[in-house]
Amino acid sequence: MKKEDEKILYLGFDESNHGKWPEIIVCTSSIIKGDAMMKFTRGKKRMTEWELIKYFINRNRDFAYTEVEERQIEKSESALIKSIPYLVNSLVGRLARDKIIDSAKLIIDGESKPKEIKRLNESVKLIKDLTNIKEVGYKFFPKSNMYYYKYSPILEVADSLAHHFFKGSSLIKKINAPDRMIELNT
């Protein structure tokens, strides 16, 4: 298969980052390449509930999320990294089985730490085994400086969803989010 014929699923990950439990981890997905492209802007803007609802009208986009309690992770463990295989499997399984996608690219908000990279590499192997996807890649996108904010649409959506879910927004009912809640098997 030629590289341009490859069907890629882009997955963006972010957490609520409020320093309180439960931590909300969101994974947004899209087969639209433009949703994964990095852009620069001045300042950070969170999407409104209405903007999020409009974003998900396109059937090529989806999301899943989980809530992680403090007791579910070890002190040195990242709730986001631990959640990745569960969230990916929920979004990728059917698409991979039905040959709708050939590969997945994970875009993770934040900075990578050596211990997290090891855990993420284990998760990538697990994702390949569970979904039959041949290629799974990932990138971390650290926080930008105070003047320019670097983002991609799927990371912006993941950030906005995590924020609205954490705040108990009515958005959950509007976009059928209970059906997208994934339980961690810990």
Foldseek 3Di string as FASTA:
>chain_A
DDPVPAQEKEKEWDWQPPPDFFIKIKIKIASDPQLADKDKDFDADADDLVRLVVVVVPVRMDMFMETHGPVNDDPVDDPRLLCVLQGCCVVQQVCLVVVVGQEYEYEYEADDDPVSVVSNVVSQVVNCVSRVRPYYYYDYDHADDNGMGMDGNRNSSRNNVNNCVVVVHPSCVVVVRVVRYTDDDD
